[in-house]
C-alpha cells in the first residue's frame, strides 16, 4: 500500500480521502481501500519522511499529502525492482484442480459461479478503464510525458 500511495503522490498531492477514493474506484482489485489501511500507510510514510503534510485553507482542516525527495527516491527504487511472478498465487485455483472429484451438478455450479465472478471483474475493469480515459482527458499539458506514465496501467492509449 505504501508504494502505491507514493506512486499516486508522485502524480499529484492528495488528501487521505482522495487517496482512499482513488484506490476504491481504480485499484480495489490490487489492495484494500479501507480508510484505516490508507491512514496507516500514510502515517508510516510520514514517520519515514517519505511524505509531508500541508493544510489547505479552505475553511475545513484538510490535510494534503505530498511526496518528499526521499519518498520519490524510495518509490523509484521500488518501481525499478523486477516483478516477482511467483508471488502472484491463487489458492482458489485448487478448486479447479480438484473439481473432477465433485459431482457433475457441483462442477457445473462451480464453473458457472466462477464465470459470473469473472464477468463481474470484467465489468469492474471496464469501469476502471473508462475512469482512466476520463482522467487522461482532464490532464493538462504541463510538460510531463503522460503517455509514457499512463501506458502500463492502461490509463492512456
N, C-alpha and C. Protein backbone atom coordinates (compact mmCIF):
# COMPACT_ATOMS: atom_id res chain seq x y z
N UNK A 1 0.82 -1.19 0.00
CA UNK A 1 0.00 0.00 0.00
C UNK A 1 0.87 1.26 0.00
N UNK A 2 1.99 1.21 0.74
CA UNK A 2 2.82 2.41 0.85
C UNK A 2 3.35 2.86 -0.52
N UNK A 3 3.83 1.91 -1.32
CA UNK A 3 4.39 2.28 -2.61
C UNK A 3 3.31 2.73 -3.59
N UNK A 4 2.14 2.15 -3.46
CA UNK A 4 1.02 2.59 -4.29
C UNK A 4 0.70 4.06 -3.98
N UNK A 5 0.68 4.40 -2.70
CA UNK A 5 0.42 5.78 -2.30
C UNK A 5 1.55 6.70 -2.78
N UNK A 6 2.79 6.26 -2.63
CA UNK A 6 3.90 7.08 -3.11
C UNK A 6 3.79 7.32 -4.62
N UNK A 7 3.38 6.30 -5.36
CA UNK A 7 3.20 6.47 -6.80
C UNK A 7 2.12 7.47 -7.12
N UNK A 8 1.00 7.41 -6.40
CA UNK A 8 -0.08 8.37 -6.64
C UNK A 8 0.35 9.78 -6.27
N UNK A 9 1.10 9.91 -5.18
CA UNK A 9 1.56 11.23 -4.77
C UNK A 9 2.65 11.77 -5.69
N UNK A 10 3.32 10.89 -6.43
CA UNK A 10 4.27 11.33 -7.44
C UNK A 10 3.52 12.07 -8.55
N UNK A 11 2.30 11.63 -8.82
CA UNK A 11 1.49 12.26 -9.86
C UNK A 11 0.92 13.60 -9.41
N UNK A 12 0.41 13.63 -8.16
CA UNK A 12 -0.19 14.87 -7.65
C UNK A 12 -0.40 14.77 -6.14
N UNK A 13 -0.27 15.86 -5.39
CA UNK A 13 -0.61 15.83 -3.96
C UNK A 13 -2.10 15.50 -3.79
N UNK A 14 -2.43 14.79 -2.73
CA UNK A 14 -3.81 14.37 -2.49
C UNK A 14 -4.10 14.33 -0.99
N UNK A 15 -5.37 14.43 -0.65
CA UNK A 15 -5.79 14.23 0.74
C UNK A 15 -5.91 12.72 0.97
N UNK A 16 -5.99 12.35 2.24
CA UNK A 16 -6.20 10.94 2.57
C UNK A 16 -7.49 10.42 1.96
N UNK A 17 -8.53 11.23 2.00
CA UNK A 17 -9.83 10.84 1.43
C UNK A 17 -9.71 10.65 -0.08
N UNK A 18 -9.02 11.56 -0.76
CA UNK A 18 -8.84 11.44 -2.21
C UNK A 18 -8.06 10.17 -2.56
N UNK A 19 -7.04 9.86 -1.77
CA UNK A 19 -6.27 8.63 -1.99
C UNK A 19 -7.17 7.41 -1.83
N UNK A 20 -7.94 7.40 -0.74
CA UNK A 20 -8.84 6.27 -0.48
C UNK A 20 -9.84 6.11 -1.62
N UNK A 21 -10.43 7.20 -2.06
CA UNK A 21 -11.42 7.13 -3.14
C UNK A 21 -10.79 6.68 -4.45
N UNK A 22 -9.59 7.15 -4.75
CA UNK A 22 -8.91 6.73 -5.98
C UNK A 22 -8.64 5.24 -5.96
N UNK A 23 -8.15 4.74 -4.82
CA UNK A 23 -7.88 3.31 -4.69
C UNK A 23 -9.19 2.54 -4.82
N UNK A 24 -10.25 3.00 -4.15
CA UNK A 24 -11.54 2.31 -4.22
C UNK A 24 -12.06 2.25 -5.64
N UNK A 25 -11.98 3.36 -6.36
CA UNK A 25 -12.54 3.44 -7.70
C UNK A 25 -11.67 2.77 -8.76
N UNK A 26 -10.36 2.73 -8.55
CA UNK A 26 -9.47 2.29 -9.62
C UNK A 26 -8.56 1.12 -9.30
N UNK A 27 -8.29 0.88 -8.03
CA UNK A 27 -7.27 -0.12 -7.69
C UNK A 27 -7.75 -1.13 -6.66
N UNK A 28 -9.05 -1.26 -6.48
CA UNK A 28 -9.57 -2.15 -5.44
C UNK A 28 -9.25 -3.61 -5.70
N UNK A 29 -8.92 -3.98 -6.94
CA UNK A 29 -8.53 -5.36 -7.22
C UNK A 29 -7.09 -5.63 -6.78
N UNK A 30 -6.35 -4.57 -6.49
CA UNK A 30 -4.94 -4.71 -6.11
C UNK A 30 -4.77 -4.72 -4.59
N UNK A 31 -5.51 -3.85 -3.89
CA UNK A 31 -5.31 -3.74 -2.45
C UNK A 31 -6.57 -3.23 -1.77
N UNK A 32 -6.52 -3.23 -0.45
CA UNK A 32 -7.65 -2.74 0.35
C UNK A 32 -7.81 -1.23 0.17
N UNK A 33 -9.04 -0.79 0.16
CA UNK A 33 -9.29 0.64 0.02
C UNK A 33 -9.94 1.21 1.28
N UNK A 34 -9.78 0.50 2.40
CA UNK A 34 -10.38 0.99 3.64
C UNK A 34 -9.66 2.25 4.11
N UNK A 35 -10.41 3.10 4.78
CA UNK A 35 -9.82 4.33 5.32
C UNK A 35 -8.68 3.99 6.28
N UNK A 36 -8.86 2.94 7.06
CA UNK A 36 -7.84 2.54 8.03
C UNK A 36 -6.53 2.14 7.37
N UNK A 37 -6.61 1.37 6.28
CA UNK A 37 -5.38 0.93 5.62
C UNK A 37 -4.67 2.10 4.96
N UNK A 38 -5.42 3.03 4.40
CA UNK A 38 -4.80 4.22 3.78
C UNK A 38 -4.16 5.09 4.86
N UNK A 39 -4.88 5.33 5.95
CA UNK A 39 -4.34 6.17 7.02
C UNK A 39 -3.12 5.54 7.68
N UNK A 40 -3.15 4.22 7.87
CA UNK A 40 -2.00 3.52 8.45
C UNK A 40 -0.77 3.68 7.55
N UNK A 41 -0.98 3.51 6.25
CA UNK A 41 0.13 3.65 5.30
C UNK A 41 0.65 5.10 5.30
N UNK A 42 -0.25 6.07 5.32
CA UNK A 42 0.17 7.47 5.33
C UNK A 42 0.97 7.81 6.59
N UNK A 43 0.54 7.29 7.74
CA UNK A 43 1.27 7.52 9.00
C UNK A 43 2.67 6.93 8.92
N UNK A 44 2.76 5.72 8.37
CA UNK A 44 4.06 5.07 8.24
C UNK A 44 4.96 5.86 7.29
N UNK A 45 4.41 6.32 6.19
CA UNK A 45 5.19 7.10 5.22
C UNK A 45 5.65 8.42 5.81
N UNK A 46 4.80 9.04 6.63
CA UNK A 46 5.19 10.31 7.27
C UNK A 46 6.32 10.08 8.26
N UNK A 47 6.23 9.00 9.06
CA UNK A 47 7.29 8.69 10.02
C UNK A 47 8.61 8.41 9.32
N UNK A 48 8.55 7.82 8.13
CA UNK A 48 9.76 7.52 7.37
C UNK A 48 10.30 8.75 6.65
N UNK A 49 9.54 9.84 6.66
CA UNK A 49 9.96 11.05 5.97
C UNK A 49 9.72 11.00 4.47
N UNK A 50 8.83 10.10 4.02
CA UNK A 50 8.55 9.95 2.60
C UNK A 50 7.42 10.86 2.11
N UNK A 51 6.61 11.36 3.05
CA UNK A 51 5.55 12.31 2.69
C UNK A 51 5.56 13.45 3.70
N UNK A 52 5.03 14.59 3.27
CA UNK A 52 4.83 15.69 4.22
C UNK A 52 3.41 16.20 4.04
N UNK A 53 2.94 16.88 5.07
CA UNK A 53 1.55 17.33 5.10
C UNK A 53 1.50 18.85 5.08
N UNK A 54 0.59 19.37 4.28
CA UNK A 54 0.24 20.79 4.34
C UNK A 54 -1.26 20.85 4.60
N UNK A 55 -1.69 21.94 5.18
CA UNK A 55 -3.12 22.08 5.44
C UNK A 55 -3.70 23.10 4.48
N UNK A 56 -4.80 22.70 3.87
CA UNK A 56 -5.48 23.59 2.92
C UNK A 56 -6.25 24.64 3.69
N UNK A 57 -6.27 25.84 3.17
CA UNK A 57 -7.01 26.94 3.80
C UNK A 57 -8.37 27.07 3.12
N UNK A 58 -9.18 26.02 3.27
CA UNK A 58 -10.50 26.02 2.62
C UNK A 58 -11.63 26.15 3.62
N UNK A 59 -11.34 26.58 4.82
CA UNK A 59 -12.36 26.65 5.85
C UNK A 59 -12.33 25.41 6.72
N UNK A 60 -12.24 24.25 6.11
CA UNK A 60 -12.11 22.99 6.85
C UNK A 60 -10.65 22.64 6.96
N UNK A 61 -10.30 21.95 8.04
CA UNK A 61 -8.92 21.46 8.14
C UNK A 61 -8.78 20.27 7.22
N UNK A 62 -8.05 20.48 6.17
CA UNK A 62 -7.87 19.41 5.19
C UNK A 62 -6.37 19.18 5.03
N UNK A 63 -5.92 17.96 5.34
CA UNK A 63 -4.51 17.61 5.21
C UNK A 63 -4.23 17.15 3.79
N UNK A 64 -3.27 17.79 3.16
CA UNK A 64 -2.86 17.41 1.81
C UNK A 64 -1.48 16.77 1.91
N UNK A 65 -1.36 15.56 1.38
CA UNK A 65 -0.12 14.80 1.43
C UNK A 65 0.65 15.00 0.13
N UNK A 66 1.95 15.22 0.26
CA UNK A 66 2.85 15.35 -0.88
C UNK A 66 4.05 14.45 -0.65
N UNK A 67 4.68 14.04 -1.73
CA UNK A 67 5.84 13.16 -1.63
C UNK A 67 7.10 14.00 -1.42
N UNK A 68 8.01 13.51 -0.58
CA UNK A 68 9.30 14.18 -0.37
C UNK A 68 10.32 13.64 -1.36
N UNK A 69 11.49 14.26 -1.40
CA UNK A 69 12.56 13.76 -2.27
C UNK A 69 12.96 12.34 -1.87
N UNK A 70 13.04 12.08 -0.55
CA UNK A 70 13.41 10.72 -0.12
C UNK A 70 12.29 9.73 -0.45
N UNK A 71 11.04 10.18 -0.40
CA UNK A 71 9.92 9.33 -0.80
C UNK A 71 9.98 9.00 -2.28
N UNK A 72 10.33 10.00 -3.08
CA UNK A 72 10.46 9.79 -4.53
C UNK A 72 11.61 8.81 -4.82
N UNK A 73 12.71 8.95 -4.09
CA UNK A 73 13.85 8.04 -4.26
C UNK A 73 13.45 6.61 -3.89
N UNK A 74 12.73 6.45 -2.77
CA UNK A 74 12.28 5.12 -2.34
C UNK A 74 11.33 4.52 -3.37
N UNK A 75 10.41 5.33 -3.89
CA UNK A 75 9.47 4.84 -4.90
C UNK A 75 10.21 4.42 -6.17
N UNK A 76 11.15 5.25 -6.61
CA UNK A 76 11.89 4.93 -7.83
C UNK A 76 12.69 3.64 -7.67
N UNK A 77 13.24 3.40 -6.48
CA UNK A 77 13.97 2.15 -6.23
C UNK A 77 13.01 0.96 -6.25
N UNK A 78 11.83 1.12 -5.66
CA UNK A 78 10.84 0.04 -5.64
C UNK A 78 10.33 -0.28 -7.04
N UNK A 79 9.96 0.75 -7.80
CA UNK A 79 9.37 0.52 -9.11
C UNK A 79 10.39 -0.07 -10.08
N UNK A 80 11.67 0.13 -9.82
CA UNK A 80 12.73 -0.41 -10.69
C UNK A 80 13.02 -1.88 -10.42
N UNK A 81 12.53 -2.41 -9.29
CA UNK A 81 12.78 -3.82 -8.97
C UNK A 81 12.01 -4.72 -9.92
N UNK A 82 12.59 -5.87 -10.26
CA UNK A 82 11.86 -6.81 -11.12
C UNK A 82 10.61 -7.33 -10.41
N UNK A 83 9.54 -7.53 -11.18
CA UNK A 83 8.33 -8.11 -10.61
C UNK A 83 8.56 -9.58 -10.34
N UNK A 84 7.92 -10.10 -9.30
CA UNK A 84 8.10 -11.49 -8.91
C UNK A 84 6.84 -12.28 -9.22
N UNK A 85 6.86 -13.00 -10.33
CA UNK A 85 5.69 -13.75 -10.77
C UNK A 85 5.27 -14.81 -9.75
N UNK A 86 6.23 -15.36 -9.00
CA UNK A 86 5.88 -16.41 -8.06
C UNK A 86 5.10 -15.89 -6.85
N UNK A 87 5.01 -14.57 -6.69
CA UNK A 87 4.25 -14.01 -5.56
C UNK A 87 2.77 -13.86 -5.91
N UNK A 88 2.43 -14.12 -7.16
CA UNK A 88 1.03 -13.99 -7.59
C UNK A 88 0.44 -15.40 -7.63
N UNK A 89 -0.03 -15.85 -6.48
CA UNK A 89 -0.61 -17.18 -6.37
C UNK A 89 -2.08 -17.05 -6.00
N UNK A 90 -2.87 -18.02 -6.43
CA UNK A 90 -4.29 -18.01 -6.14
C UNK A 90 -4.69 -19.40 -5.68
N UNK A 91 -4.84 -19.57 -4.38
CA UNK A 91 -5.22 -20.88 -3.82
C UNK A 91 -6.59 -21.32 -4.31
N UNK A 92 -7.41 -20.38 -4.72
CA UNK A 92 -8.73 -20.74 -5.21
C UNK A 92 -8.66 -21.64 -6.45
N UNK A 93 -7.55 -21.56 -7.17
CA UNK A 93 -7.39 -22.42 -8.35
C UNK A 93 -7.27 -23.89 -7.95
N UNK A 94 -7.02 -24.18 -6.67
CA UNK A 94 -7.03 -25.56 -6.20
C UNK A 94 -8.41 -26.18 -6.40
N UNK A 95 -9.46 -25.37 -6.32
CA UNK A 95 -10.81 -25.88 -6.60
C UNK A 95 -10.86 -26.47 -8.00
N UNK A 96 -10.28 -25.77 -8.93
CA UNK A 96 -10.26 -26.24 -10.31
C UNK A 96 -9.50 -27.55 -10.43
N UNK A 97 -8.38 -27.65 -9.73
CA UNK A 97 -7.57 -28.85 -9.76
C UNK A 97 -8.36 -30.07 -9.29
N UNK A 98 -9.18 -29.88 -8.25
CA UNK A 98 -9.92 -31.00 -7.66
C UNK A 98 -11.37 -31.07 -8.10
N UNK A 99 -11.76 -30.26 -9.05
CA UNK A 99 -13.16 -30.19 -9.46
C UNK A 99 -13.67 -31.53 -9.98
N UNK A 100 -12.80 -32.35 -10.52
CA UNK A 100 -13.21 -33.67 -11.01
C UNK A 100 -13.72 -34.57 -9.91
N UNK A 101 -13.42 -34.26 -8.66
CA UNK A 101 -13.90 -35.06 -7.53
C UNK A 101 -15.31 -34.66 -7.09
N UNK A 102 -15.82 -33.56 -7.63
CA UNK A 102 -17.17 -33.09 -7.30
C UNK A 102 -18.18 -33.79 -8.22
N UNK A 103 -19.43 -33.75 -7.82
CA UNK A 103 -20.48 -34.33 -8.67
C UNK A 103 -20.66 -33.46 -9.91
N UNK A 104 -21.22 -34.00 -10.99
CA UNK A 104 -21.42 -33.19 -12.20
C UNK A 104 -22.20 -31.91 -11.95
N UNK A 105 -23.23 -31.96 -11.14
CA UNK A 105 -24.02 -30.74 -10.88
C UNK A 105 -23.20 -29.72 -10.08
N UNK A 106 -22.36 -30.21 -9.15
CA UNK A 106 -21.50 -29.31 -8.39
C UNK A 106 -20.45 -28.66 -9.30
N UNK A 107 -19.93 -29.44 -10.25
CA UNK A 107 -18.95 -28.91 -11.20
C UNK A 107 -19.56 -27.78 -12.02
N UNK A 108 -20.75 -28.04 -12.55
CA UNK A 108 -21.42 -27.04 -13.38
C UNK A 108 -21.69 -25.77 -12.56
N UNK A 109 -22.18 -25.94 -11.35
CA UNK A 109 -22.48 -24.79 -10.49
C UNK A 109 -21.21 -24.00 -10.17
N UNK A 110 -20.12 -24.72 -9.87
CA UNK A 110 -18.86 -24.06 -9.53
C UNK A 110 -18.33 -23.28 -10.73
N UNK A 111 -18.37 -23.89 -11.91
CA UNK A 111 -17.86 -23.22 -13.10
C UNK A 111 -18.73 -22.03 -13.47
N UNK A 112 -20.06 -22.20 -13.38
CA UNK A 112 -20.96 -21.08 -13.67
C UNK A 112 -20.72 -19.93 -12.70
N UNK A 113 -20.54 -20.23 -11.43
CA UNK A 113 -20.29 -19.20 -10.44
C UNK A 113 -18.97 -18.48 -10.73
N UNK A 114 -17.96 -19.26 -11.11
CA UNK A 114 -16.66 -18.67 -11.43
C UNK A 114 -16.77 -17.75 -12.64
N UNK A 115 -17.51 -18.17 -13.65
CA UNK A 115 -17.72 -17.34 -14.84
C UNK A 115 -18.43 -16.05 -14.45
N UNK A 116 -19.44 -16.13 -13.58
CA UNK A 116 -20.15 -14.93 -13.13
C UNK A 116 -19.19 -13.98 -12.41
N UNK A 117 -18.31 -14.53 -11.57
CA UNK A 117 -17.33 -13.69 -10.88
C UNK A 117 -16.39 -13.02 -11.86
N UNK A 118 -15.94 -13.77 -12.88
CA UNK A 118 -15.05 -13.19 -13.89
C UNK A 118 -15.77 -12.10 -14.68
N UNK A 119 -17.06 -12.28 -14.95
CA UNK A 119 -17.83 -11.25 -15.65
C UNK A 119 -17.95 -9.99 -14.80
N UNK A 120 -18.12 -10.17 -13.47
CA UNK A 120 -18.17 -9.02 -12.57
C UNK A 120 -16.83 -8.29 -12.56
N UNK A 121 -15.74 -9.04 -12.52
CA UNK A 121 -14.42 -8.42 -12.55
C UNK A 121 -14.21 -7.70 -13.87
N UNK A 122 -14.67 -8.31 -14.96
CA UNK A 122 -14.57 -7.67 -16.27
C UNK A 122 -15.31 -6.34 -16.27
N UNK A 123 -16.50 -6.30 -15.68
CA UNK A 123 -17.26 -5.06 -15.59
C UNK A 123 -16.51 -4.00 -14.79
N UNK A 124 -15.91 -4.42 -13.69
CA UNK A 124 -15.12 -3.51 -12.86
C UNK A 124 -13.94 -2.96 -13.67
N UNK A 125 -13.24 -3.85 -14.38
CA UNK A 125 -12.10 -3.41 -15.18
C UNK A 125 -12.52 -2.46 -16.29
N UNK A 126 -13.68 -2.70 -16.90
CA UNK A 126 -14.19 -1.78 -17.93
C UNK A 126 -14.50 -0.42 -17.33
N UNK A 127 -15.09 -0.41 -16.13
CA UNK A 127 -15.38 0.85 -15.46
C UNK A 127 -14.10 1.59 -15.11
N UNK A 128 -13.08 0.85 -14.67
CA UNK A 128 -11.79 1.46 -14.36
C UNK A 128 -11.19 2.05 -15.63
N UNK A 129 -11.26 1.31 -16.72
CA UNK A 129 -10.72 1.80 -17.99
C UNK A 129 -11.42 3.10 -18.41
N UNK A 130 -12.74 3.14 -18.26
CA UNK A 130 -13.49 4.35 -18.61
C UNK A 130 -13.07 5.50 -17.71
N UNK A 131 -12.89 5.23 -16.41
CA UNK A 131 -12.46 6.27 -15.47
C UNK A 131 -11.07 6.78 -15.85
N UNK A 132 -10.15 5.88 -16.19
CA UNK A 132 -8.81 6.29 -16.60
C UNK A 132 -8.86 7.15 -17.85
N UNK A 133 -9.71 6.77 -18.80
CA UNK A 133 -9.85 7.57 -20.02
C UNK A 133 -10.33 8.98 -19.69
N UNK A 134 -11.27 9.08 -18.73
CA UNK A 134 -11.76 10.40 -18.31
C UNK A 134 -10.65 11.20 -17.64
N UNK A 135 -9.87 10.53 -16.81
CA UNK A 135 -8.76 11.20 -16.13
C UNK A 135 -7.76 11.72 -17.16
N UNK A 136 -7.44 10.89 -18.13
CA UNK A 136 -6.45 11.29 -19.15
C UNK A 136 -6.93 12.49 -19.96
N UNK A 137 -8.22 12.58 -20.21
CA UNK A 137 -8.73 13.70 -20.98
C UNK A 137 -8.66 15.00 -20.17
N UNK A 138 -8.64 14.87 -18.85
CA UNK A 138 -8.63 16.06 -17.98
C UNK A 138 -7.21 16.50 -17.61
N UNK A 139 -6.20 15.73 -18.00
CA UNK A 139 -4.83 16.04 -17.62
C UNK A 139 -4.32 17.22 -18.44
N UNK A 140 -3.77 18.22 -17.77
CA UNK A 140 -3.24 19.38 -18.51
C UNK A 140 -1.93 19.04 -19.20
N UNK A 141 -1.62 19.79 -20.22
CA UNK A 141 -0.32 19.64 -20.88
C UNK A 141 0.68 20.48 -20.11
N UNK A 142 1.41 19.85 -19.20
CA UNK A 142 2.32 20.59 -18.33
C UNK A 142 3.77 20.17 -18.52
N UNK A 143 4.07 19.56 -19.65
CA UNK A 143 5.44 19.14 -19.90
C UNK A 143 5.74 17.72 -19.46
N UNK A 144 4.84 17.10 -18.70
CA UNK A 144 5.04 15.71 -18.27
C UNK A 144 4.71 14.80 -19.44
N UNK A 145 5.41 13.69 -19.54
CA UNK A 145 5.16 12.70 -20.58
C UNK A 145 4.09 11.73 -20.09
N UNK A 146 2.84 12.18 -20.05
CA UNK A 146 1.73 11.40 -19.51
C UNK A 146 1.48 10.13 -20.31
N UNK A 147 1.73 10.14 -21.62
CA UNK A 147 1.54 8.93 -22.42
C UNK A 147 2.41 7.79 -21.88
N UNK A 148 3.66 8.09 -21.56
CA UNK A 148 4.55 7.07 -21.02
C UNK A 148 4.15 6.70 -19.60
N UNK A 149 3.83 7.69 -18.78
CA UNK A 149 3.48 7.44 -17.38
C UNK A 149 2.27 6.53 -17.28
N UNK A 150 1.25 6.77 -18.10
CA UNK A 150 0.00 6.01 -18.00
C UNK A 150 -0.08 4.84 -18.97
N UNK A 151 1.00 4.56 -19.65
CA UNK A 151 0.98 3.50 -20.65
C UNK A 151 0.75 2.12 -20.03
N UNK A 152 1.42 1.82 -18.93
CA UNK A 152 1.36 0.48 -18.38
C UNK A 152 0.11 0.18 -17.57
N UNK A 153 -0.42 1.11 -16.80
CA UNK A 153 -1.68 0.76 -16.12
C UNK A 153 -2.88 0.84 -17.05
N UNK A 154 -2.66 1.10 -18.33
CA UNK A 154 -3.78 1.15 -19.27
C UNK A 154 -4.57 2.42 -19.17
N UNK A 155 -3.96 3.44 -18.57
CA UNK A 155 -4.68 4.68 -18.37
C UNK A 155 -4.69 5.55 -19.62
N UNK A 156 -3.90 5.22 -20.61
CA UNK A 156 -3.83 6.04 -21.80
C UNK A 156 -3.47 5.16 -22.97
N UNK A 157 -3.95 5.48 -24.12
CA UNK A 157 -3.70 4.64 -25.30
C UNK A 157 -2.46 5.12 -26.02
